[in-house]
Amino acid sequence: MEKKKRQRIKDGAIVKIKLTDDRMVFARLMVGKIAVYDFVAMQSNPIPETETIIGNPVIFYSSVYNDVITKGLFEIIGFKALTRDEIDQVPPVFTQDLVNIDDCTISYQDGRQLKGTPDDCIGLERLSVWEASAVTKRIEDHYGGKRNFYVELDKPILSKDDPRYLPPPKALRWDFEKGEFYRTDK
């Protein structure tokens, strides 16, 4: 097994993400996140120029665990310093209380935090950190035209009828005759 060289996390670094079938995509480290570009290349071909890679649209922004970069799971293959415009284009993320689903916070790259509604969070990423394998699966699903489990799980909860809604404490009771739980908040 090939030992990977330790890498330093540096904003602007461009990383290669290996996919199946000899394919690879590229992402760029951006202020605590990665921006995954809509650009697929073959691993058997030479690495494209930096400008070619970053000239493509971003599929999604996501936070990844530090070891995804430091252990070389996503190999650094280039660097281009970030511009203020690129940093400003990083979309905000949201958090949502799983009991009081109307309690949402939208967090911006510059540190601002604003209260919002679940509807305000539609289209935003939930504040979360992803493993390398989950990011790779998300990219594979994107190009395969499939819905990704984690993306769906992380969408804002819009109503208490959503199965991801966590009812208030003590809202679940056990029905001894049916042998199942039922909710007391409905």
N, C-alpha and C. Protein backbone atom coordinates (compact mmCIF):
# COMPACT_ATOMS: atom_id res chain seq x y z
N MET A 1 0.84 -1.18 0.00
CA MET A 1 0.00 0.00 0.00
C MET A 1 0.89 1.25 0.00
N GLU A 2 0.55 2.19 -0.85
CA GLU A 2 1.32 3.41 -1.00
C GLU A 2 1.07 4.34 0.18
N LYS A 3 2.17 4.79 0.80
CA LYS A 3 2.04 5.72 1.91
C LYS A 3 1.88 7.13 1.34
N LYS A 4 0.85 7.82 1.79
CA LYS A 4 0.57 9.17 1.31
C LYS A 4 1.42 10.17 2.09
N LYS A 5 1.90 11.19 1.39
CA LYS A 5 2.65 12.27 2.01
C LYS A 5 1.68 13.19 2.73
N ARG A 6 2.06 13.64 3.94
CA ARG A 6 1.20 14.58 4.68
C ARG A 6 1.16 15.90 3.94
N GLN A 7 -0.02 16.49 3.93
CA GLN A 7 -0.23 17.75 3.23
C GLN A 7 -0.69 18.82 4.21
N ARG A 8 -0.40 20.07 3.90
CA ARG A 8 -0.84 21.19 4.71
C ARG A 8 -2.13 21.75 4.12
N ILE A 9 -3.04 22.15 5.00
CA ILE A 9 -4.27 22.79 4.56
C ILE A 9 -3.94 24.25 4.26
N LYS A 10 -4.22 24.67 3.03
CA LYS A 10 -3.95 26.05 2.64
C LYS A 10 -5.05 26.50 1.68
N ASP A 11 -5.74 27.57 2.05
CA ASP A 11 -6.78 28.10 1.18
C ASP A 11 -6.22 28.40 -0.20
N GLY A 12 -6.95 27.96 -1.21
CA GLY A 12 -6.52 28.14 -2.59
C GLY A 12 -5.92 26.87 -3.19
N ALA A 13 -5.57 25.89 -2.34
CA ALA A 13 -5.02 24.64 -2.85
C ALA A 13 -6.07 23.91 -3.67
N ILE A 14 -5.63 23.28 -4.74
CA ILE A 14 -6.53 22.51 -5.60
C ILE A 14 -6.24 21.04 -5.36
N VAL A 15 -7.30 20.27 -5.14
CA VAL A 15 -7.15 18.85 -4.84
C VAL A 15 -7.81 18.00 -5.92
N LYS A 16 -7.27 16.81 -6.06
CA LYS A 16 -7.81 15.82 -6.99
C LYS A 16 -8.62 14.83 -6.18
N ILE A 17 -9.83 14.52 -6.67
CA ILE A 17 -10.70 13.55 -6.01
C ILE A 17 -10.92 12.40 -7.00
N LYS A 18 -10.42 11.23 -6.62
CA LYS A 18 -10.54 10.07 -7.51
C LYS A 18 -11.95 9.48 -7.42
N LEU A 19 -12.51 9.19 -8.59
CA LEU A 19 -13.80 8.54 -8.69
C LEU A 19 -13.60 7.15 -9.29
N THR A 20 -14.70 6.47 -9.56
CA THR A 20 -14.61 5.15 -10.19
C THR A 20 -14.36 5.31 -11.69
N ASP A 21 -14.07 4.22 -12.33
CA ASP A 21 -13.90 4.17 -13.79
C ASP A 21 -12.81 5.13 -14.28
N ASP A 22 -11.70 5.24 -13.54
CA ASP A 22 -10.55 6.04 -13.96
C ASP A 22 -10.87 7.53 -14.08
N ARG A 23 -11.94 7.98 -13.42
CA ARG A 23 -12.32 9.40 -13.50
C ARG A 23 -11.82 10.15 -12.26
N MET A 24 -11.69 11.46 -12.42
CA MET A 24 -11.34 12.31 -11.29
C MET A 24 -12.01 13.66 -11.47
N VAL A 25 -12.27 14.32 -10.35
CA VAL A 25 -12.78 15.68 -10.34
C VAL A 25 -11.84 16.49 -9.45
N PHE A 26 -12.10 17.78 -9.40
CA PHE A 26 -11.20 18.66 -8.67
C PHE A 26 -12.00 19.57 -7.74
N ALA A 27 -11.36 19.95 -6.65
CA ALA A 27 -11.96 20.86 -5.69
C ALA A 27 -10.88 21.83 -5.23
N ARG A 28 -11.32 22.89 -4.59
CA ARG A 28 -10.39 23.91 -4.12
C ARG A 28 -10.72 24.23 -2.67
N LEU A 29 -9.69 24.35 -1.86
CA LEU A 29 -9.87 24.68 -0.45
C LEU A 29 -10.22 26.16 -0.33
N MET A 30 -11.37 26.42 0.33
CA MET A 30 -11.88 27.78 0.42
C MET A 30 -12.38 28.08 1.82
N VAL A 31 -11.56 28.65 2.63
CA VAL A 31 -11.94 29.17 3.94
C VAL A 31 -12.76 28.15 4.73
N GLY A 32 -12.17 26.99 5.00
CA GLY A 32 -12.84 25.97 5.79
C GLY A 32 -13.76 25.07 5.01
N LYS A 33 -13.84 25.23 3.72
CA LYS A 33 -14.70 24.39 2.88
C LYS A 33 -13.91 23.95 1.65
N ILE A 34 -14.52 23.05 0.89
CA ILE A 34 -14.00 22.77 -0.45
C ILE A 34 -15.10 23.14 -1.45
N ALA A 35 -14.67 23.65 -2.58
CA ALA A 35 -15.57 23.95 -3.69
C ALA A 35 -15.29 22.89 -4.74
N VAL A 36 -16.27 22.03 -5.02
CA VAL A 36 -16.11 20.95 -5.99
C VAL A 36 -16.53 21.46 -7.36
N TYR A 37 -15.62 21.38 -8.32
CA TYR A 37 -15.88 21.91 -9.66
C TYR A 37 -16.57 20.87 -10.55
N ASP A 38 -17.38 21.36 -11.45
CA ASP A 38 -18.09 20.53 -12.42
C ASP A 38 -17.16 20.28 -13.60
N PHE A 39 -16.19 19.40 -13.38
CA PHE A 39 -15.17 19.12 -14.39
C PHE A 39 -14.63 17.72 -14.13
N VAL A 40 -14.88 16.81 -15.05
CA VAL A 40 -14.42 15.43 -14.91
C VAL A 40 -13.29 15.19 -15.91
N ALA A 41 -12.24 14.54 -15.45
CA ALA A 41 -11.12 14.18 -16.32
C ALA A 41 -10.78 12.71 -16.05
N MET A 42 -10.01 12.15 -16.93
CA MET A 42 -9.57 10.77 -16.77
C MET A 42 -8.24 10.76 -16.01
N GLN A 43 -8.10 9.84 -15.07
CA GLN A 43 -6.87 9.76 -14.28
C GLN A 43 -5.68 9.39 -15.14
N SER A 44 -5.94 8.71 -16.25
CA SER A 44 -4.85 8.31 -17.14
C SER A 44 -4.32 9.48 -17.97
N ASN A 45 -5.04 10.60 -17.98
CA ASN A 45 -4.59 11.80 -18.70
C ASN A 45 -3.80 12.71 -17.77
N PRO A 46 -3.01 13.62 -18.34
CA PRO A 46 -2.29 14.58 -17.49
C PRO A 46 -3.26 15.47 -16.71
N ILE A 47 -2.81 15.97 -15.56
CA ILE A 47 -3.62 16.89 -14.75
C ILE A 47 -3.82 18.17 -15.57
N PRO A 48 -5.05 18.64 -15.70
CA PRO A 48 -5.30 19.88 -16.45
C PRO A 48 -4.68 21.09 -15.75
N GLU A 49 -4.53 22.16 -16.49
CA GLU A 49 -4.01 23.42 -15.94
C GLU A 49 -4.97 23.96 -14.87
N THR A 50 -4.42 24.65 -13.90
CA THR A 50 -5.20 25.24 -12.81
C THR A 50 -6.33 26.12 -13.34
N GLU A 51 -6.03 26.98 -14.31
CA GLU A 51 -7.04 27.90 -14.84
C GLU A 51 -8.18 27.14 -15.52
N THR A 52 -7.87 26.01 -16.14
CA THR A 52 -8.90 25.18 -16.77
C THR A 52 -9.84 24.62 -15.71
N ILE A 53 -9.27 24.16 -14.62
CA ILE A 53 -10.07 23.57 -13.54
C ILE A 53 -10.98 24.62 -12.90
N ILE A 54 -10.40 25.73 -12.46
CA ILE A 54 -11.18 26.71 -11.70
C ILE A 54 -12.07 27.57 -12.60
N GLY A 55 -11.95 27.40 -13.90
CA GLY A 55 -12.83 28.12 -14.83
C GLY A 55 -14.19 27.47 -14.96
N ASN A 56 -14.40 26.34 -14.29
CA ASN A 56 -15.67 25.62 -14.35
C ASN A 56 -16.58 26.02 -13.20
N PRO A 57 -17.89 25.83 -13.36
CA PRO A 57 -18.80 26.15 -12.25
C PRO A 57 -18.59 25.19 -11.07
N VAL A 58 -19.00 25.64 -9.90
CA VAL A 58 -18.91 24.84 -8.67
C VAL A 58 -20.21 24.04 -8.54
N ILE A 59 -20.08 22.73 -8.31
CA ILE A 59 -21.26 21.88 -8.08
C ILE A 59 -21.81 22.13 -6.68
N PHE A 60 -20.91 22.10 -5.69
CA PHE A 60 -21.31 22.34 -4.30
C PHE A 60 -20.10 22.71 -3.47
N TYR A 61 -20.37 23.34 -2.35
CA TYR A 61 -19.37 23.67 -1.33
C TYR A 61 -19.67 22.78 -0.13
N SER A 62 -18.64 22.29 0.51
CA SER A 62 -18.85 21.45 1.68
C SER A 62 -17.64 21.53 2.59
N SER A 63 -17.86 21.35 3.88
CA SER A 63 -16.75 21.23 4.82
C SER A 63 -16.35 19.76 4.87
N VAL A 64 -15.04 19.53 4.96
CA VAL A 64 -14.54 18.16 5.09
C VAL A 64 -13.64 18.10 6.31
N TYR A 65 -13.50 16.90 6.86
CA TYR A 65 -12.60 16.72 7.98
C TYR A 65 -11.17 17.05 7.54
N ASN A 66 -10.39 17.63 8.45
CA ASN A 66 -9.02 18.04 8.13
C ASN A 66 -8.19 16.89 7.58
N ASP A 67 -8.39 15.68 8.13
CA ASP A 67 -7.55 14.56 7.69
C ASP A 67 -7.80 14.17 6.23
N VAL A 68 -8.92 14.57 5.66
CA VAL A 68 -9.17 14.31 4.24
C VAL A 68 -8.06 14.98 3.42
N ILE A 69 -7.62 16.14 3.89
CA ILE A 69 -6.55 16.86 3.20
C ILE A 69 -5.19 16.45 3.76
N THR A 70 -5.02 16.50 5.09
CA THR A 70 -3.69 16.28 5.67
C THR A 70 -3.15 14.87 5.40
N LYS A 71 -4.03 13.89 5.34
CA LYS A 71 -3.58 12.51 5.06
C LYS A 71 -3.52 12.21 3.56
N GLY A 72 -3.87 13.20 2.73
CA GLY A 72 -3.74 13.03 1.29
C GLY A 72 -4.85 12.23 0.64
N LEU A 73 -5.98 12.07 1.33
CA LEU A 73 -7.10 11.35 0.70
C LEU A 73 -7.57 12.11 -0.54
N PHE A 74 -7.56 13.44 -0.46
CA PHE A 74 -7.74 14.31 -1.62
C PHE A 74 -6.37 14.95 -1.83
N GLU A 75 -5.68 14.53 -2.89
CA GLU A 75 -4.30 14.95 -3.13
C GLU A 75 -4.23 16.38 -3.68
N ILE A 76 -3.38 17.19 -3.07
CA ILE A 76 -3.16 18.56 -3.56
C ILE A 76 -2.33 18.48 -4.84
N ILE A 77 -2.84 19.12 -5.90
CA ILE A 77 -2.16 19.06 -7.20
C ILE A 77 -1.83 20.46 -7.73
N GLY A 78 -2.22 21.51 -7.01
CA GLY A 78 -1.95 22.86 -7.49
C GLY A 78 -2.38 23.89 -6.48
N PHE A 79 -2.17 25.13 -6.84
CA PHE A 79 -2.54 26.24 -5.95
C PHE A 79 -2.83 27.48 -6.78
N LYS A 80 -3.84 28.21 -6.34
CA LYS A 80 -4.16 29.53 -6.90
C LYS A 80 -4.76 30.33 -5.76
N ALA A 81 -4.12 31.44 -5.42
CA ALA A 81 -4.59 32.27 -4.31
C ALA A 81 -6.04 32.68 -4.54
N LEU A 82 -6.80 32.70 -3.46
CA LEU A 82 -8.21 33.09 -3.55
C LEU A 82 -8.34 34.60 -3.67
N THR A 83 -9.33 35.01 -4.45
CA THR A 83 -9.65 36.43 -4.53
C THR A 83 -10.78 36.74 -3.55
N ARG A 84 -10.96 37.98 -3.21
CA ARG A 84 -12.05 38.40 -2.33
C ARG A 84 -13.39 37.99 -2.94
N ASP A 85 -13.56 38.13 -4.27
CA ASP A 85 -14.80 37.74 -4.94
C ASP A 85 -15.09 36.25 -4.76
N GLU A 86 -14.05 35.41 -4.88
CA GLU A 86 -14.25 33.97 -4.71
C GLU A 86 -14.67 33.63 -3.29
N ILE A 87 -14.07 34.29 -2.32
CA ILE A 87 -14.43 34.06 -0.92
C ILE A 87 -15.87 34.52 -0.68
N ASP A 88 -16.24 35.67 -1.24
CA ASP A 88 -17.59 36.19 -1.06
C ASP A 88 -18.65 35.33 -1.72
N GLN A 89 -18.27 34.52 -2.71
CA GLN A 89 -19.23 33.65 -3.40
C GLN A 89 -19.55 32.37 -2.62
N VAL A 90 -18.78 32.08 -1.57
CA VAL A 90 -19.05 30.89 -0.77
C VAL A 90 -20.40 31.11 -0.08
N PRO A 91 -21.37 30.24 -0.37
CA PRO A 91 -22.72 30.47 0.19
C PRO A 91 -22.78 30.21 1.70
N PRO A 92 -23.76 30.82 2.36
CA PRO A 92 -23.93 30.57 3.79
C PRO A 92 -24.41 29.15 4.04
N VAL A 93 -24.34 28.75 5.31
CA VAL A 93 -24.85 27.44 5.74
C VAL A 93 -25.92 27.69 6.79
N PHE A 94 -26.67 26.65 7.11
CA PHE A 94 -27.71 26.82 8.13
C PHE A 94 -27.61 25.75 9.20
N THR A 95 -28.16 26.09 10.36
CA THR A 95 -28.40 25.11 11.41
C THR A 95 -29.88 25.20 11.76
N GLN A 96 -30.40 24.09 12.25
CA GLN A 96 -31.82 24.03 12.59
C GLN A 96 -32.00 23.17 13.82
N ASP A 97 -32.75 23.68 14.78
CA ASP A 97 -33.07 22.90 15.97
C ASP A 97 -33.99 21.76 15.53
N LEU A 98 -33.69 20.55 15.94
CA LEU A 98 -34.47 19.40 15.50
C LEU A 98 -35.78 19.23 16.26
N VAL A 99 -35.94 19.93 17.38
CA VAL A 99 -37.20 19.89 18.11
C VAL A 99 -38.05 21.10 17.73
N ASN A 100 -37.47 22.29 17.87
CA ASN A 100 -38.17 23.52 17.47
C ASN A 100 -37.70 23.86 16.06
N ILE A 101 -38.33 23.25 15.06
CA ILE A 101 -37.84 23.35 13.68
C ILE A 101 -37.91 24.76 13.11
N ASP A 102 -38.64 25.66 13.75
CA ASP A 102 -38.69 27.04 13.28
C ASP A 102 -37.47 27.85 13.73
N ASP A 103 -36.65 27.26 14.59
CA ASP A 103 -35.45 27.92 15.09
C ASP A 103 -34.28 27.60 14.17
N CYS A 104 -34.03 28.49 13.21
CA CYS A 104 -32.96 28.30 12.23
C CYS A 104 -31.98 29.47 12.31
N THR A 105 -30.73 29.18 12.04
CA THR A 105 -29.70 30.21 11.98
C THR A 105 -28.95 30.05 10.67
N ILE A 106 -28.76 31.17 9.99
CA ILE A 106 -28.00 31.17 8.74
C ILE A 106 -26.66 31.84 9.04
N SER A 107 -25.57 31.11 8.75
CA SER A 107 -24.21 31.60 9.06
C SER A 107 -23.47 31.91 7.77
N TYR A 108 -22.91 33.11 7.72
CA TYR A 108 -22.19 33.58 6.54
C TYR A 108 -20.69 33.44 6.75
N GLN A 109 -19.96 33.42 5.64
CA GLN A 109 -18.52 33.24 5.63
C GLN A 109 -17.80 34.32 6.45
N ASP A 110 -18.37 35.52 6.51
CA ASP A 110 -17.72 36.62 7.22
C ASP A 110 -18.02 36.61 8.72
N GLY A 111 -18.72 35.58 9.21
CA GLY A 111 -19.01 35.44 10.63
C GLY A 111 -20.39 35.91 11.05
N ARG A 112 -21.11 36.59 10.16
CA ARG A 112 -22.46 37.04 10.51
C ARG A 112 -23.37 35.83 10.68
N GLN A 113 -24.29 35.94 11.61
CA GLN A 113 -25.32 34.92 11.82
C GLN A 113 -26.66 35.61 11.92
N LEU A 114 -27.62 35.13 11.13
CA LEU A 114 -28.95 35.72 11.13
C LEU A 114 -29.98 34.64 11.41
N LYS A 115 -31.01 35.01 12.15
CA LYS A 115 -32.14 34.09 12.37
C LYS A 115 -32.89 33.96 11.07
N GLY A 116 -33.42 32.78 10.80
CA GLY A 116 -34.19 32.55 9.60
C GLY A 116 -35.29 31.55 9.84
N THR A 117 -36.06 31.29 8.82
CA THR A 117 -37.11 30.29 8.86
C THR A 117 -36.64 29.07 8.09
N PRO A 118 -37.30 27.94 8.25
CA PRO A 118 -36.93 26.78 7.45
C PRO A 118 -36.99 27.08 5.94
N ASP A 119 -37.96 27.88 5.52
CA ASP A 119 -38.05 28.23 4.10
C ASP A 119 -36.83 29.04 3.64
N ASP A 120 -36.28 29.86 4.53
CA ASP A 120 -35.08 30.64 4.19
C ASP A 120 -33.88 29.73 3.94
N CYS A 121 -33.92 28.53 4.49
CA CYS A 121 -32.78 27.61 4.42
C CYS A 121 -32.83 26.68 3.20
N ILE A 122 -33.92 26.70 2.47
CA ILE A 122 -34.03 25.85 1.27
C ILE A 122 -32.93 26.22 0.30
N GLY A 123 -32.20 25.23 -0.15
CA GLY A 123 -31.10 25.45 -1.09
C GLY A 123 -29.75 25.68 -0.44
N LEU A 124 -29.73 25.86 0.88
CA LEU A 124 -28.47 26.03 1.59
C LEU A 124 -27.99 24.68 2.12
N GLU A 125 -26.70 24.58 2.36
CA GLU A 125 -26.11 23.38 2.98
C GLU A 125 -26.30 23.49 4.49
N ARG A 126 -26.65 22.36 5.11
CA ARG A 126 -26.67 22.31 6.58
C ARG A 126 -25.22 22.32 7.04
N LEU A 127 -24.95 23.00 8.14
CA LEU A 127 -23.60 23.03 8.70
C LEU A 127 -23.24 21.60 9.12
N SER A 128 -22.32 21.02 8.40
CA SER A 128 -21.87 19.65 8.69
C SER A 128 -20.48 19.47 8.11
N VAL A 129 -19.82 18.42 8.54
CA VAL A 129 -18.49 18.10 8.07
C VAL A 129 -18.56 16.71 7.45
N TRP A 130 -17.99 16.56 6.28
CA TRP A 130 -18.10 15.33 5.50
C TRP A 130 -16.81 14.53 5.48
N GLU A 131 -16.95 13.22 5.47
CA GLU A 131 -15.84 12.29 5.26
C GLU A 131 -15.51 12.27 3.77
N ALA A 132 -14.30 11.85 3.43
CA ALA A 132 -13.89 11.77 2.02
C ALA A 132 -14.81 10.85 1.23
N SER A 133 -15.15 9.70 1.80
CA SER A 133 -15.99 8.74 1.08
C SER A 133 -17.39 9.29 0.81
N ALA A 134 -17.92 10.09 1.74
CA ALA A 134 -19.25 10.67 1.55
C ALA A 134 -19.22 11.74 0.46
N VAL A 135 -18.16 12.53 0.40
CA VAL A 135 -18.02 13.53 -0.67
C VAL A 135 -17.92 12.83 -2.02
N THR A 136 -17.10 11.79 -2.06
CA THR A 136 -16.94 11.04 -3.31
C THR A 136 -18.26 10.44 -3.76
N LYS A 137 -19.02 9.86 -2.84
CA LYS A 137 -20.33 9.29 -3.15
C LYS A 137 -21.28 10.38 -3.65
N ARG A 138 -21.23 11.54 -3.02
CA ARG A 138 -22.09 12.65 -3.45
C ARG A 138 -21.76 13.06 -4.89
N ILE A 139 -20.49 13.12 -5.22
CA ILE A 139 -20.09 13.47 -6.59
C ILE A 139 -20.54 12.38 -7.57
N GLU A 140 -20.32 11.12 -7.20
CA GLU A 140 -20.75 10.00 -8.06
C GLU A 140 -22.26 10.06 -8.29
N ASP A 141 -23.02 10.32 -7.23
CA ASP A 141 -24.48 10.43 -7.36
C ASP A 141 -24.86 11.60 -8.27
N HIS A 142 -24.16 12.71 -8.13
CA HIS A 142 -24.43 13.88 -8.98
C HIS A 142 -24.30 13.51 -10.45
N TYR A 143 -23.18 12.90 -10.80
CA TYR A 143 -22.96 12.55 -12.20
C TYR A 143 -23.79 11.35 -12.65
N GLY A 144 -24.26 10.56 -11.69
CA GLY A 144 -25.13 9.43 -12.02
C GLY A 144 -26.60 9.81 -12.06
N GLY A 145 -26.91 11.08 -11.76
CA GLY A 145 -28.30 11.54 -11.78
C GLY A 145 -29.13 11.00 -10.63
N LYS A 146 -28.46 10.65 -9.52
CA LYS A 146 -29.16 10.07 -8.36
C LYS A 146 -29.24 11.09 -7.23
N ARG A 147 -30.26 10.96 -6.41
CA ARG A 147 -30.35 11.77 -5.20
C ARG A 147 -29.41 11.17 -4.16
N ASN A 148 -28.69 12.02 -3.47
CA ASN A 148 -27.74 11.55 -2.47
C ASN A 148 -28.41 11.51 -1.10
N PHE A 149 -28.23 10.39 -0.41
CA PHE A 149 -28.85 10.17 0.89
C PHE A 149 -28.52 11.29 1.87
N TYR A 150 -27.23 11.66 1.98
CA TYR A 150 -26.82 12.66 2.97
C TYR A 150 -27.33 14.05 2.61
N VAL A 151 -27.37 14.37 1.33
CA VAL A 151 -27.91 15.67 0.91
C VAL A 151 -29.39 15.74 1.29
N GLU A 152 -30.12 14.66 1.03
CA GLU A 152 -31.55 14.63 1.37
C GLU A 152 -31.76 14.70 2.88
N LEU A 153 -30.94 13.98 3.63
CA LEU A 153 -31.05 13.97 5.09
C LEU A 153 -30.79 15.36 5.67
N ASP A 154 -29.88 16.10 5.05
CA ASP A 154 -29.47 17.40 5.57
C ASP A 154 -30.35 18.57 5.11
N LYS A 155 -31.34 18.33 4.28
CA LYS A 155 -32.22 19.42 3.85
C LYS A 155 -33.01 19.95 5.05
N PRO A 156 -33.45 21.21 4.98
CA PRO A 156 -34.22 21.74 6.12
C PRO A 156 -35.52 20.97 6.33
N ILE A 157 -35.87 20.81 7.59
CA ILE A 157 -37.14 20.17 7.95
C ILE A 157 -38.20 21.26 7.91
N LEU A 158 -39.19 21.09 7.05
CA LEU A 158 -40.19 22.14 6.82
C LEU A 158 -41.47 21.95 7.62
N SER A 159 -41.73 20.72 8.09
CA SER A 159 -42.95 20.50 8.87
C SER A 159 -42.72 19.37 9.86
N LYS A 160 -43.62 19.29 10.85
CA LYS A 160 -43.52 18.23 11.85
C LYS A 160 -43.95 16.88 11.29
N ASP A 161 -44.47 16.86 10.07
CA ASP A 161 -44.82 15.60 9.42
C ASP A 161 -43.61 14.94 8.77
N ASP A 162 -42.53 15.68 8.66
CA ASP A 162 -41.30 15.16 8.07
C ASP A 162 -40.76 14.05 9.00
N PRO A 163 -40.43 12.89 8.46
CA PRO A 163 -39.95 11.79 9.33
C PRO A 163 -38.63 12.12 10.04
N ARG A 164 -37.90 13.13 9.61
CA ARG A 164 -36.65 13.51 10.28
C ARG A 164 -36.91 14.37 11.50
N TYR A 165 -38.15 14.85 11.66
CA TYR A 165 -38.50 15.69 12.80
C TYR A 165 -38.35 14.90 14.09
N LEU A 166 -37.67 15.50 15.07
CA LEU A 166 -37.48 14.87 16.37
C LEU A 166 -38.52 15.44 17.32
N PRO A 167 -39.48 14.64 17.72
CA PRO A 167 -40.53 15.18 18.59
C PRO A 167 -39.97 15.58 19.95
N PRO A 168 -40.69 16.46 20.64
CA PRO A 168 -40.23 16.89 21.97
C PRO A 168 -40.03 15.69 22.90
N PRO A 169 -39.20 15.87 23.92
CA PRO A 169 -38.99 14.76 24.87
C PRO A 169 -40.31 14.24 25.42
N LYS A 170 -40.34 12.96 25.62
CA LYS A 170 -41.49 12.23 26.17
C LYS A 170 -42.69 12.23 25.23
N ALA A 171 -42.48 12.53 23.95
CA ALA A 171 -43.59 12.51 23.00
C ALA A 171 -43.82 11.09 22.45
N LEU A 172 -42.86 10.22 22.63
CA LEU A 172 -43.03 8.84 22.17
C LEU A 172 -43.51 7.96 23.32
N ARG A 173 -44.50 7.16 23.03
CA ARG A 173 -45.03 6.19 24.01
C ARG A 173 -45.06 4.82 23.34
N TRP A 174 -44.97 3.78 24.18
CA TRP A 174 -44.99 2.43 23.68
C TRP A 174 -46.41 1.89 23.79
N ASP A 175 -46.95 1.41 22.68
CA ASP A 175 -48.26 0.78 22.67
C ASP A 175 -48.04 -0.71 22.89
N PHE A 176 -48.39 -1.21 24.09
CA PHE A 176 -48.11 -2.61 24.42
C PHE A 176 -48.93 -3.57 23.59
N GLU A 177 -50.15 -3.20 23.23
CA GLU A 177 -50.99 -4.09 22.42
C GLU A 177 -50.46 -4.23 21.00
N LYS A 178 -50.06 -3.10 20.39
CA LYS A 178 -49.55 -3.14 19.01
C LYS A 178 -48.07 -3.46 18.95
N GLY A 179 -47.37 -3.29 20.07
CA GLY A 179 -45.94 -3.57 20.10
C GLY A 179 -45.14 -2.55 19.30
N GLU A 180 -45.55 -1.28 19.35
CA GLU A 180 -44.84 -0.24 18.60
C GLU A 180 -44.95 1.10 19.33
N PHE A 181 -44.07 2.02 18.93
CA PHE A 181 -44.12 3.36 19.48
C PHE A 181 -45.18 4.17 18.75
N TYR A 182 -45.76 5.12 19.45
CA TYR A 182 -46.64 6.11 18.80
C TYR A 182 -46.28 7.48 19.36
N ARG A 183 -46.59 8.50 18.60
CA ARG A 183 -46.26 9.86 19.00
C ARG A 183 -47.45 10.52 19.67
N THR A 184 -47.18 11.23 20.75
CA THR A 184 -48.24 11.91 21.50
C THR A 184 -48.39 13.37 21.07
N ASP A 185 -47.53 13.84 20.17
CA ASP A 185 -47.59 15.24 19.77
C ASP A 185 -48.44 15.45 18.53
N LYS A 186 -49.13 14.43 18.06
CA LYS A 186 -49.94 14.56 16.84
C LYS A 186 -51.40 14.50 17.18
